[in-house]
Amino acid sequence: MTDDQPTEPREPLHVFLSDAAEAALAQLRPGELDAVEKLVERLALYPRLGIPVPGGTDPEVDDYTARTDPAADTGDRISVVYRVHEQMKSVFVTWVIAGP
């Protein structure tokens, strides 16, 4: 993961979830859901923690993927695919991917 953590605190970005991400969250176990929520909180402050995904079509939007810490109950890690739009001060979670 890249490290874009600023030396000074900054205003968190707004985080929005797609309908697909919301549906995936509803299927997670409690520990998995907690792990995703913790990651999303970090992304609001440090949106470039994930691995850049090349090939985006919008020059003002950067695409990333990040993985959670292991879930407390299952030990599974969940992948989160998201977009960062600096002008709109937002992170848009497009996919939450869980499973083998």
PDB file of N, CA and C in Angstrom:
ATOM      1  N   MET A   1       0.830  -1.177   0.000  1.00  0.00           N
ATOM      2  CA  MET A   1       0.000   0.000   0.000  1.00  0.00           C
ATOM      3  C   MET A   1       0.875   1.240   0.000  1.00  0.00           C
ATOM      4  N   THR A   2       0.406   2.270  -0.642  1.00  0.00           N
ATOM      5  CA  THR A   2       1.144   3.516  -0.635  1.00  0.00           C
ATOM      6  C   THR A   2       0.856   4.259   0.651  1.00  0.00           C
ATOM      7  N   ASP A   3       1.761   5.141   1.017  1.00  0.00           N
ATOM      8  CA  ASP A   3       1.624   5.849   2.282  1.00  0.00           C
ATOM      9  C   ASP A   3       1.442   7.332   1.998  1.00  0.00           C
ATOM     10  N   ASP A   4       0.198   7.798   2.024  1.00  0.00           N
ATOM     11  CA  ASP A   4      -0.040   9.214   1.790  1.00  0.00           C
ATOM     12  C   ASP A   4      -0.507   9.899   3.069  1.00  0.00           C
ATOM     13  N   GLN A   5      -0.170   9.334   4.205  1.00  0.00           N
ATOM     14  CA  GLN A   5      -0.635   9.894   5.450  1.00  0.00           C
ATOM     15  C   GLN A   5       0.044  11.246   5.681  1.00  0.00           C
ATOM     16  N   PRO A   6      -0.767  12.304   5.776  1.00  0.00           N
ATOM     17  CA  PRO A   6      -0.188  13.635   5.965  1.00  0.00           C
ATOM     18  C   PRO A   6       0.406  13.772   7.362  1.00  0.00           C
ATOM     19  N   THR A   7       1.341  14.705   7.498  1.00  0.00           N
ATOM     20  CA  THR A   7       1.956  14.928   8.795  1.00  0.00           C
ATOM     21  C   THR A   7       1.025  15.714   9.708  1.00  0.00           C
ATOM     22  N   GLU A   8       0.104  16.470   9.142  1.00  0.00           N
ATOM     23  CA  GLU A   8      -0.856  17.231   9.929  1.00  0.00           C
ATOM     24  C   GLU A   8      -2.249  16.683   9.670  1.00  0.00           C
ATOM     25  N   PRO A   9      -3.119  16.727  10.683  1.00  0.00           N
ATOM     26  CA  PRO A   9      -4.498  16.257  10.464  1.00  0.00           C
ATOM     27  C   PRO A   9      -5.178  17.081   9.382  1.00  0.00           C
ATOM     28  N   ARG A  10      -6.048  16.433   8.642  1.00  0.00           N
ATOM     29  CA  ARG A  10      -6.795  17.146   7.617  1.00  0.00           C
ATOM     30  C   ARG A  10      -8.257  16.740   7.697  1.00  0.00           C
ATOM     31  N   GLU A  11      -9.081  17.507   7.031  1.00  0.00           N
ATOM     32  CA  GLU A  11     -10.513  17.251   7.031  1.00  0.00           C
ATOM     33  C   GLU A  11     -10.798  15.939   6.298  1.00  0.00           C
ATOM     34  N   PRO A  12     -11.575  15.036   6.910  1.00  0.00           N
ATOM     35  CA  PRO A  12     -11.871  13.770   6.222  1.00  0.00           C
ATOM     36  C   PRO A  12     -12.728  13.987   4.979  1.00  0.00           C
ATOM     37  N   LEU A  13     -12.526  13.122   4.002  1.00  0.00           N
ATOM     38  CA  LEU A  13     -13.354  13.152   2.811  1.00  0.00           C
ATOM     39  C   LEU A  13     -14.688  12.478   3.114  1.00  0.00           C
ATOM     40  N   HIS A  14     -15.691  12.807   2.330  1.00  0.00           N
ATOM     41  CA  HIS A  14     -16.985  12.135   2.447  1.00  0.00           C
ATOM     42  C   HIS A  14     -16.874  10.769   1.774  1.00  0.00           C
ATOM     43  N   VAL A  15     -17.487   9.767   2.371  1.00  0.00           N
ATOM     44  CA  VAL A  15     -17.449   8.420   1.808  1.00  0.00           C
ATOM     45  C   VAL A  15     -18.868   8.022   1.419  1.00  0.00           C
ATOM     46  N   PHE A  16     -19.006   7.574   0.176  1.00  0.00           N
ATOM     47  CA  PHE A  16     -20.287   7.115  -0.343  1.00  0.00           C
ATOM     48  C   PHE A  16     -20.145   5.667  -0.790  1.00  0.00           C
ATOM     49  N   LEU A  17     -21.214   4.893  -0.662  1.00  0.00           N
ATOM     50  CA  LEU A  17     -21.212   3.496  -1.075  1.00  0.00           C
ATOM     51  C   LEU A  17     -22.168   3.300  -2.232  1.00  0.00           C
ATOM     52  N   SER A  18     -21.749   2.519  -3.217  1.00  0.00           N
ATOM     53  CA  SER A  18     -22.645   2.162  -4.316  1.00  0.00           C
ATOM     54  C   SER A  18     -23.706   1.196  -3.803  1.00  0.00           C
ATOM     55  N   ASP A  19     -24.756   1.011  -4.580  1.00  0.00           N
ATOM     56  CA  ASP A  19     -25.787   0.038  -4.213  1.00  0.00           C
ATOM     57  C   ASP A  19     -25.186  -1.363  -4.096  1.00  0.00           C
ATOM     58  N   ALA A  20     -24.265  -1.700  -4.988  1.00  0.00           N
ATOM     59  CA  ALA A  20     -23.623  -3.018  -4.950  1.00  0.00           C
ATOM     60  C   ALA A  20     -22.797  -3.181  -3.673  1.00  0.00           C
ATOM     61  N   ALA A  21     -22.096  -2.129  -3.258  1.00  0.00           N
ATOM     62  CA  ALA A  21     -21.302  -2.190  -2.025  1.00  0.00           C
ATOM     63  C   ALA A  21     -22.218  -2.338  -0.813  1.00  0.00           C
ATOM     64  N   GLU A  22     -23.318  -1.607  -0.802  1.00  0.00           N
ATOM     65  CA  GLU A  22     -24.282  -1.712   0.313  1.00  0.00           C
ATOM     66  C   GLU A  22     -24.831  -3.136   0.404  1.00  0.00           C
ATOM     67  N   ALA A  23     -25.166  -3.723  -0.746  1.00  0.00           N
ATOM     68  CA  ALA A  23     -25.700  -5.088  -0.752  1.00  0.00           C
ATOM     69  C   ALA A  23     -24.663  -6.087  -0.246  1.00  0.00           C
ATOM     70  N   ALA A  24     -23.408  -5.898  -0.629  1.00  0.00           N
ATOM     71  CA  ALA A  24     -22.345  -6.795  -0.178  1.00  0.00           C
ATOM     72  C   ALA A  24     -22.132  -6.673   1.332  1.00  0.00           C
ATOM     73  N   LEU A  25     -22.206  -5.458   1.859  1.00  0.00           N
ATOM     74  CA  LEU A  25     -22.037  -5.260   3.302  1.00  0.00           C
ATOM     75  C   LEU A  25     -23.104  -6.011   4.088  1.00  0.00           C
ATOM     76  N   ALA A  26     -24.305  -6.063   3.549  1.00  0.00           N
ATOM     77  CA  ALA A  26     -25.406  -6.742   4.236  1.00  0.00           C
ATOM     78  C   ALA A  26     -25.165  -8.248   4.355  1.00  0.00           C
ATOM     79  N   GLN A  27     -24.280  -8.804   3.541  1.00  0.00           N
ATOM     80  CA  GLN A  27     -24.004 -10.236   3.537  1.00  0.00           C
ATOM     81  C   GLN A  27     -22.812 -10.624   4.410  1.00  0.00           C
ATOM     82  N   LEU A  28     -22.100  -9.644   4.947  1.00  0.00           N
ATOM     83  CA  LEU A  28     -20.887  -9.931   5.712  1.00  0.00           C
ATOM     84  C   LEU A  28     -21.197 -10.383   7.133  1.00  0.00           C
ATOM     85  N   ARG A  29     -20.289 -11.143   7.691  1.00  0.00           N
ATOM     86  CA  ARG A  29     -20.363 -11.534   9.099  1.00  0.00           C
ATOM     87  C   ARG A  29     -19.962 -10.316   9.940  1.00  0.00           C
ATOM     88  N   PRO A  30     -20.313 -10.299  11.226  1.00  0.00           N
ATOM     89  CA  PRO A  30     -20.017  -9.123  12.061  1.00  0.00           C
ATOM     90  C   PRO A  30     -18.543  -8.695  12.067  1.00  0.00           C
ATOM     91  N   GLY A  31     -17.621  -9.642  12.186  1.00  0.00           N
ATOM     92  CA  GLY A  31     -16.199  -9.291  12.193  1.00  0.00           C
ATOM     93  C   GLY A  31     -15.740  -8.732  10.857  1.00  0.00           C
ATOM     94  N   GLU A  32     -16.276  -9.280   9.773  1.00  0.00           N
ATOM     95  CA  GLU A  32     -15.938  -8.779   8.432  1.00  0.00           C
ATOM     96  C   GLU A  32     -16.458  -7.366   8.250  1.00  0.00           C
ATOM     97  N   LEU A  33     -17.698  -7.137   8.687  1.00  0.00           N
ATOM     98  CA  LEU A  33     -18.295  -5.810   8.584  1.00  0.00           C
ATOM     99  C   LEU A  33     -17.483  -4.798   9.384  1.00  0.00           C
ATOM    100  N   ASP A  34     -17.056  -5.177  10.572  1.00  0.00           N
ATOM    101  CA  ASP A  34     -16.242  -4.294  11.399  1.00  0.00           C
ATOM    102  C   ASP A  34     -14.926  -3.958  10.697  1.00  0.00           C
ATOM    103  N   ALA A  35     -14.302  -4.952  10.081  1.00  0.00           N
ATOM    104  CA  ALA A  35     -13.042  -4.726   9.364  1.00  0.00           C
ATOM    105  C   ALA A  35     -13.236  -3.756   8.196  1.00  0.00           C
ATOM    106  N   VAL A  36     -14.336  -3.906   7.465  1.00  0.00           N
ATOM    107  CA  VAL A  36     -14.615  -2.998   6.341  1.00  0.00           C
ATOM    108  C   VAL A  36     -14.874  -1.589   6.868  1.00  0.00           C
ATOM    109  N   GLU A  37     -15.653  -1.466   7.928  1.00  0.00           N
ATOM    110  CA  GLU A  37     -15.945  -0.143   8.479  1.00  0.00           C
ATOM    111  C   GLU A  37     -14.669   0.561   8.940  1.00  0.00           C
ATOM    112  N   LYS A  38     -13.746  -0.173   9.545  1.00  0.00           N
ATOM    113  CA  LYS A  38     -12.475   0.419   9.975  1.00  0.00           C
ATOM    114  C   LYS A  38     -11.656   0.890   8.773  1.00  0.00           C
ATOM    115  N   LEU A  39     -11.646   0.081   7.719  1.00  0.00           N
ATOM    116  CA  LEU A  39     -10.919   0.480   6.511  1.00  0.00           C
ATOM    117  C   LEU A  39     -11.539   1.731   5.904  1.00  0.00           C
ATOM    118  N   VAL A  40     -12.841   1.783   5.814  1.00  0.00           N
ATOM    119  CA  VAL A  40     -13.521   2.940   5.226  1.00  0.00           C
ATOM    120  C   VAL A  40     -13.230   4.202   6.039  1.00  0.00           C
ATOM    121  N   GLU A  41     -13.170   4.077   7.358  1.00  0.00           N
ATOM    122  CA  GLU A  41     -12.820   5.222   8.198  1.00  0.00           C
ATOM    123  C   GLU A  41     -11.408   5.719   7.871  1.00  0.00           C
ATOM    124  N   ARG A  42     -10.472   4.788   7.668  1.00  0.00           N
ATOM    125  CA  ARG A  42      -9.101   5.182   7.299  1.00  0.00           C
ATOM    126  C   ARG A  42      -9.069   5.834   5.931  1.00  0.00           C
ATOM    127  N   LEU A  43      -9.874   5.309   5.003  1.00  0.00           N
ATOM    128  CA  LEU A  43      -9.882   5.872   3.646  1.00  0.00           C
ATOM    129  C   LEU A  43     -10.396   7.310   3.631  1.00  0.00           C
ATOM    130  N   ALA A  44     -11.298   7.638   4.537  1.00  0.00           N
ATOM    131  CA  ALA A  44     -11.797   9.014   4.611  1.00  0.00           C
ATOM    132  C   ALA A  44     -10.673   9.990   4.949  1.00  0.00           C
ATOM    133  N   LEU A  45      -9.719   9.533   5.746  1.00  0.00           N
ATOM    134  CA  LEU A  45      -8.585  10.379   6.132  1.00  0.00           C
ATOM    135  C   LEU A  45      -7.392  10.237   5.196  1.00  0.00           C
ATOM    136  N   TYR A  46      -7.157   9.015   4.735  1.00  0.00           N
ATOM    137  CA  TYR A  46      -6.000   8.718   3.886  1.00  0.00           C
ATOM    138  C   TYR A  46      -6.470   7.973   2.640  1.00  0.00           C
ATOM    139  N   PRO A  47      -7.072   8.666   1.701  1.00  0.00           N
ATOM    140  CA  PRO A  47      -7.738   7.996   0.583  1.00  0.00           C
ATOM    141  C   PRO A  47      -6.808   7.234  -0.369  1.00  0.00           C
ATOM    142  N   ARG A  48      -5.538   7.493  -0.322  1.00  0.00           N
ATOM    143  CA  ARG A  48      -4.634   6.819  -1.260  1.00  0.00           C
ATOM    144  C   ARG A  48      -3.873   5.665  -0.613  1.00  0.00           C
ATOM    145  N   LEU A  49      -4.480   5.057   0.400  1.00  0.00           N
ATOM    146  CA  LEU A  49      -3.855   3.908   1.064  1.00  0.00           C
ATOM    147  C   LEU A  49      -3.834   2.676   0.176  1.00  0.00           C
ATOM    148  N   GLY A  50      -4.769   2.582  -0.730  1.00  0.00           N
ATOM    149  CA  GLY A  50      -4.895   1.394  -1.568  1.00  0.00           C
ATOM    150  C   GLY A  50      -3.877   1.344  -2.687  1.00  0.00           C
ATOM    151  N   ILE A  51      -4.007   0.314  -3.483  1.00  0.00           N
ATOM    152  CA  ILE A  51      -3.150   0.121  -4.652  1.00  0.00           C
ATOM    153  C   ILE A  51      -3.853   0.757  -5.843  1.00  0.00           C
ATOM    154  N   PRO A  52      -3.169   1.646  -6.574  1.00  0.00           N
ATOM    155  CA  PRO A  52      -3.810   2.277  -7.730  1.00  0.00           C
ATOM    156  C   PRO A  52      -4.216   1.244  -8.785  1.00  0.00           C
ATOM    157  N   VAL A  53      -5.372   1.474  -9.375  1.00  0.00           N
ATOM    158  CA  VAL A  53      -5.874   0.622 -10.448  1.00  0.00           C
ATOM    159  C   VAL A  53      -5.765   1.433 -11.737  1.00  0.00           C
ATOM    160  N   PRO A  54      -4.916   1.012 -12.670  1.00  0.00           N
ATOM    161  CA  PRO A  54      -4.733   1.783 -13.903  1.00  0.00           C
ATOM    162  C   PRO A  54      -5.922   1.643 -14.844  1.00  0.00           C
ATOM    163  N   GLY A  55      -6.006   2.577 -15.772  1.00  0.00           N
ATOM    164  CA  GLY A  55      -6.984   2.464 -16.844  1.00  0.00           C
ATOM    165  C   GLY A  55      -8.274   3.215 -16.626  1.00  0.00           C
ATOM    166  N   GLY A  56      -8.321   4.109 -15.653  1.00  0.00           N
ATOM    167  CA  GLY A  56      -9.538   4.886 -15.430  1.00  0.00           C
ATOM    168  C   GLY A  56      -9.835   5.793 -16.612  1.00  0.00           C
ATOM    169  N   THR A  57     -11.090   6.097 -16.795  1.00  0.00           N
ATOM    170  CA  THR A  57     -11.489   6.918 -17.940  1.00  0.00           C
ATOM    171  C   THR A  57     -11.658   8.381 -17.594  1.00  0.00           C
ATOM    172  N   ASP A  58     -11.695   8.722 -16.319  1.00  0.00           N
ATOM    173  CA  ASP A  58     -11.889  10.109 -15.893  1.00  0.00           C
ATOM    174  C   ASP A  58     -10.590  10.622 -15.283  1.00  0.00           C
ATOM    175  N   PRO A  59      -9.967  11.647 -15.895  1.00  0.00           N
ATOM    176  CA  PRO A  59      -8.685  12.131 -15.381  1.00  0.00           C
ATOM    177  C   PRO A  59      -8.775  12.780 -13.996  1.00  0.00           C
ATOM    178  N   GLU A  60      -9.964  13.139 -13.545  1.00  0.00           N
ATOM    179  CA  GLU A  60     -10.123  13.771 -12.237  1.00  0.00           C
ATOM    180  C   GLU A  60     -10.441  12.762 -11.138  1.00  0.00           C
ATOM    181  N   VAL A  61     -10.519  11.482 -11.498  1.00  0.00           N
ATOM    182  CA  VAL A  61     -10.871  10.437 -10.540  1.00  0.00           C
ATOM    183  C   VAL A  61      -9.782   9.369 -10.557  1.00  0.00           C
ATOM    184  N   ASP A  62      -9.336   8.971  -9.374  1.00  0.00           N
ATOM    185  CA  ASP A  62      -8.330   7.917  -9.246  1.00  0.00           C
ATOM    186  C   ASP A  62      -8.981   6.675  -8.664  1.00  0.00           C
ATOM    187  N   ASP A  63      -8.706   5.522  -9.249  1.00  0.00           N
ATOM    188  CA  ASP A  63      -9.270   4.253  -8.802  1.00  0.00           C
ATOM    189  C   ASP A  63      -8.236   3.481  -7.985  1.00  0.00           C
ATOM    190  N   TYR A  64      -8.725   2.820  -6.913  1.00  0.00           N
ATOM    191  CA  TYR A  64      -7.857   2.065  -6.012  1.00  0.00           C
ATOM    192  C   TYR A  64      -8.555   0.800  -5.554  1.00  0.00           C
ATOM    193  N   THR A  65      -7.743  -0.118  -5.051  1.00  0.00           N
ATOM    194  CA  THR A  65      -8.268  -1.274  -4.333  1.00  0.00           C
ATOM    195  C   THR A  65      -7.461  -1.417  -3.044  1.00  0.00           C
ATOM    196  N   ALA A  66      -8.152  -1.809  -1.981  1.00  0.00           N
ATOM    197  CA  ALA A  66      -7.499  -1.991  -0.688  1.00  0.00           C
ATOM    198  C   ALA A  66      -8.093  -3.220  -0.022  1.00  0.00           C
ATOM    199  N   ARG A  67      -7.332  -3.808   0.895  1.00  0.00           N
ATOM    200  CA  ARG A  67      -7.817  -4.980   1.633  1.00  0.00           C
ATOM    201  C   ARG A  67      -7.872  -4.643   3.111  1.00  0.00           C
ATOM    202  N   THR A  68      -8.863  -5.203   3.761  1.00  0.00           N
ATOM    203  CA  THR A  68      -9.017  -4.978   5.193  1.00  0.00           C
ATOM    204  C   THR A  68      -7.975  -5.771   5.967  1.00  0.00           C
ATOM    205  N   ASP A  69      -7.863  -5.455   7.245  1.00  0.00           N
ATOM    206  CA  ASP A  69      -7.131  -6.316   8.162  1.00  0.00           C
ATOM    207  C   ASP A  69      -7.960  -7.590   8.295  1.00  0.00           C
ATOM    208  N   PRO A  70      -7.378  -8.677   8.775  1.00  0.00           N
ATOM    209  CA  PRO A  70      -8.161  -9.904   8.955  1.00  0.00           C
ATOM    210  C   PRO A  70      -9.352  -9.678   9.897  1.00  0.00           C
ATOM    211  N   ALA A  71     -10.498 -10.224   9.529  1.00  0.00           N
ATOM    212  CA  ALA A  71     -11.702 -10.109  10.351  1.00  0.00           C
ATOM    213  C   ALA A  71     -11.496 -10.857  11.668  1.00  0.00           C
ATOM    214  N   ALA A  72     -12.028 -10.297  12.741  1.00  0.00           N
ATOM    215  CA  ALA A  72     -11.852 -10.891  14.069  1.00  0.00           C
ATOM    216  C   ALA A  72     -12.489 -12.268  14.179  1.00  0.00           C
ATOM    217  N   ASP A  73     -13.614 -12.493  13.491  1.00  0.00           N
ATOM    218  CA  ASP A  73     -14.316 -13.763  13.661  1.00  0.00           C
ATOM    219  C   ASP A  73     -13.939 -14.829  12.638  1.00  0.00           C
ATOM    220  N   THR A  74     -13.572 -14.431  11.438  1.00  0.00           N
ATOM    221  CA  THR A  74     -13.270 -15.424  10.404  1.00  0.00           C
ATOM    222  C   THR A  74     -11.806 -15.416   9.971  1.00  0.00           C
ATOM    223  N   GLY A  75     -11.113 -14.304  10.219  1.00  0.00           N
ATOM    224  CA  GLY A  75      -9.737 -14.174   9.762  1.00  0.00           C
ATOM    225  C   GLY A  75      -9.642 -13.799   8.295  1.00  0.00           C
ATOM    226  N   ASP A  76     -10.807 -13.692   7.627  1.00  0.00           N
ATOM    227  CA  ASP A  76     -10.822 -13.344   6.208  1.00  0.00           C
ATOM    228  C   ASP A  76     -10.501 -11.861   6.013  1.00  0.00           C
ATOM    229  N   ARG A  77      -9.952 -11.565   4.855  1.00  0.00           N
ATOM    230  CA  ARG A  77      -9.704 -10.179   4.453  1.00  0.00           C
ATOM    231  C   ARG A  77     -10.664  -9.855   3.322  1.00  0.00           C
ATOM    232  N   ILE A  78     -11.201  -8.654   3.350  1.00  0.00           N
ATOM    233  CA  ILE A  78     -12.186  -8.214   2.370  1.00  0.00           C
ATOM    234  C   ILE A  78     -11.529  -7.179   1.463  1.00  0.00           C
ATOM    235  N   SER A  79     -11.783  -7.270   0.163  1.00  0.00           N
ATOM    236  CA  SER A  79     -11.267  -6.284  -0.787  1.00  0.00           C
ATOM    237  C   SER A  79     -12.301  -5.187  -0.982  1.00  0.00           C
ATOM    238  N   VAL A  80     -11.818  -3.955  -1.036  1.00  0.00           N
ATOM    239  CA  VAL A  80     -12.676  -2.796  -1.252  1.00  0.00           C
ATOM    240  C   VAL A  80     -12.130  -2.050  -2.469  1.00  0.00           C
ATOM    241  N   VAL A  81     -12.974  -1.865  -3.451  1.00  0.00           N
ATOM    242  CA  VAL A  81     -12.613  -1.128  -4.668  1.00  0.00           C
ATOM    243  C   VAL A  81     -13.282   0.233  -4.566  1.00  0.00           C
ATOM    244  N   TYR A  82     -12.499   1.292  -4.782  1.00  0.00           N
ATOM    245  CA  TYR A  82     -13.050   2.630  -4.586  1.00  0.00           C
ATOM    246  C   TYR A  82     -12.417   3.645  -5.519  1.00  0.00           C
ATOM    247  N   ARG A  83     -13.065   4.807  -5.581  1.00  0.00           N
ATOM    248  CA  ARG A  83     -12.596   5.916  -6.404  1.00  0.00           C
ATOM    249  C   ARG A  83     -12.409   7.130  -5.517  1.00  0.00           C
ATOM    250  N   VAL A  84     -11.385   7.902  -5.786  1.00  0.00           N
ATOM    251  CA  VAL A  84     -11.126   9.138  -5.050  1.00  0.00           C
ATOM    252  C   VAL A  84     -11.353  10.300  -6.000  1.00  0.00           C
ATOM    253  N   HIS A  85     -12.228  11.216  -5.585  1.00  0.00           N
ATOM    254  CA  HIS A  85     -12.499  12.415  -6.372  1.00  0.00           C
ATOM    255  C   HIS A  85     -12.146  13.613  -5.493  1.00  0.00           C
ATOM    256  N   GLU A  86     -10.910  14.112  -5.667  1.00  0.00           N
ATOM    257  CA  GLU A  86     -10.405  15.188  -4.807  1.00  0.00           C
ATOM    258  C   GLU A  86     -11.246  16.460  -4.923  1.00  0.00           C
ATOM    259  N   GLN A  87     -11.662  16.831  -6.133  1.00  0.00           N
ATOM    260  CA  GLN A  87     -12.443  18.063  -6.307  1.00  0.00           C
ATOM    261  C   GLN A  87     -13.744  18.019  -5.516  1.00  0.00           C
ATOM    262  N   MET A  88     -14.366  16.852  -5.470  1.00  0.00           N
ATOM    263  CA  MET A  88     -15.624  16.711  -4.744  1.00  0.00           C
ATOM    264  C   MET A  88     -15.385  16.314  -3.288  1.00  0.00           C
ATOM    265  N   LYS A  89     -14.106  16.174  -2.913  1.00  0.00           N
ATOM    266  CA  LYS A  89     -13.731  15.785  -1.555  1.00  0.00           C
ATOM    267  C   LYS A  89     -14.468  14.526  -1.118  1.00  0.00           C
ATOM    268  N   SER A  90     -14.388  13.497  -1.977  1.00  0.00           N
ATOM    269  CA  SER A  90     -15.142  12.285  -1.687  1.00  0.00           C
ATOM    270  C   SER A  90     -14.404  11.013  -2.101  1.00  0.00           C
ATOM    271  N   VAL A  91     -14.797   9.935  -1.421  1.00  0.00           N
ATOM    272  CA  VAL A  91     -14.381   8.578  -1.745  1.00  0.00           C
ATOM    273  C   VAL A  91     -15.662   7.828  -2.063  1.00  0.00           C
ATOM    274  N   PHE A  92     -15.671   7.132  -3.200  1.00  0.00           N
ATOM    275  CA  PHE A  92     -16.854   6.386  -3.610  1.00  0.00           C
ATOM    276  C   PHE A  92     -16.494   4.906  -3.661  1.00  0.00           C
ATOM    277  N   VAL A  93     -17.037   4.127  -2.734  1.00  0.00           N
ATOM    278  CA  VAL A  93     -16.777   2.688  -2.684  1.00  0.00           C
ATOM    279  C   VAL A  93     -17.700   2.027  -3.709  1.00  0.00           C
ATOM    280  N   THR A  94     -17.099   1.417  -4.726  1.00  0.00           N
ATOM    281  CA  THR A  94     -17.898   0.818  -5.790  1.00  0.00           C
ATOM    282  C   THR A  94     -18.182  -0.664  -5.545  1.00  0.00           C
ATOM    283  N   TRP A  95     -17.210  -1.385  -4.963  1.00  0.00           N
ATOM    284  CA  TRP A  95     -17.370  -2.813  -4.723  1.00  0.00           C
ATOM    285  C   TRP A  95     -16.773  -3.206  -3.387  1.00  0.00           C
ATOM    286  N   VAL A  96     -17.422  -4.135  -2.727  1.00  0.00           N
ATOM    287  CA  VAL A  96     -16.895  -4.815  -1.550  1.00  0.00           C
ATOM    288  C   VAL A  96     -16.901  -6.295  -1.909  1.00  0.00           C
ATOM    289  N   ILE A  97     -15.694  -6.900  -1.945  1.00  0.00           N
ATOM    290  CA  ILE A  97     -15.566  -8.260  -2.452  1.00  0.00           C
ATOM    291  C   ILE A  97     -15.101  -9.178  -1.328  1.00  0.00           C
ATOM    292  N   ALA A  98     -15.938 -10.151  -1.005  1.00  0.00           N
ATOM    293  CA  ALA A  98     -15.620 -11.112   0.051  1.00  0.00           C
ATOM    294  C   ALA A  98     -15.774 -12.507  -0.509  1.00  0.00           C
ATOM    295  N   GLY A  99     -14.991 -13.412   0.021  1.00  0.00           N
ATOM    296  CA  GLY A  99     -15.130 -14.801  -0.416  1.00  0.00           C
ATOM    297  C   GLY A  99     -13.810 -15.411  -0.774  1.00  0.00           C
ATOM    298  N   PRO A 100     -13.837 -16.683  -1.080  1.00  0.00           N
ATOM    299  CA  PRO A 100     -12.589 -17.390  -1.398  1.00  0.00           C
ATOM    300  C   PRO A 100     -11.976 -16.937  -2.696  1.00  0.00           C
TER     301      PRO A 100
END
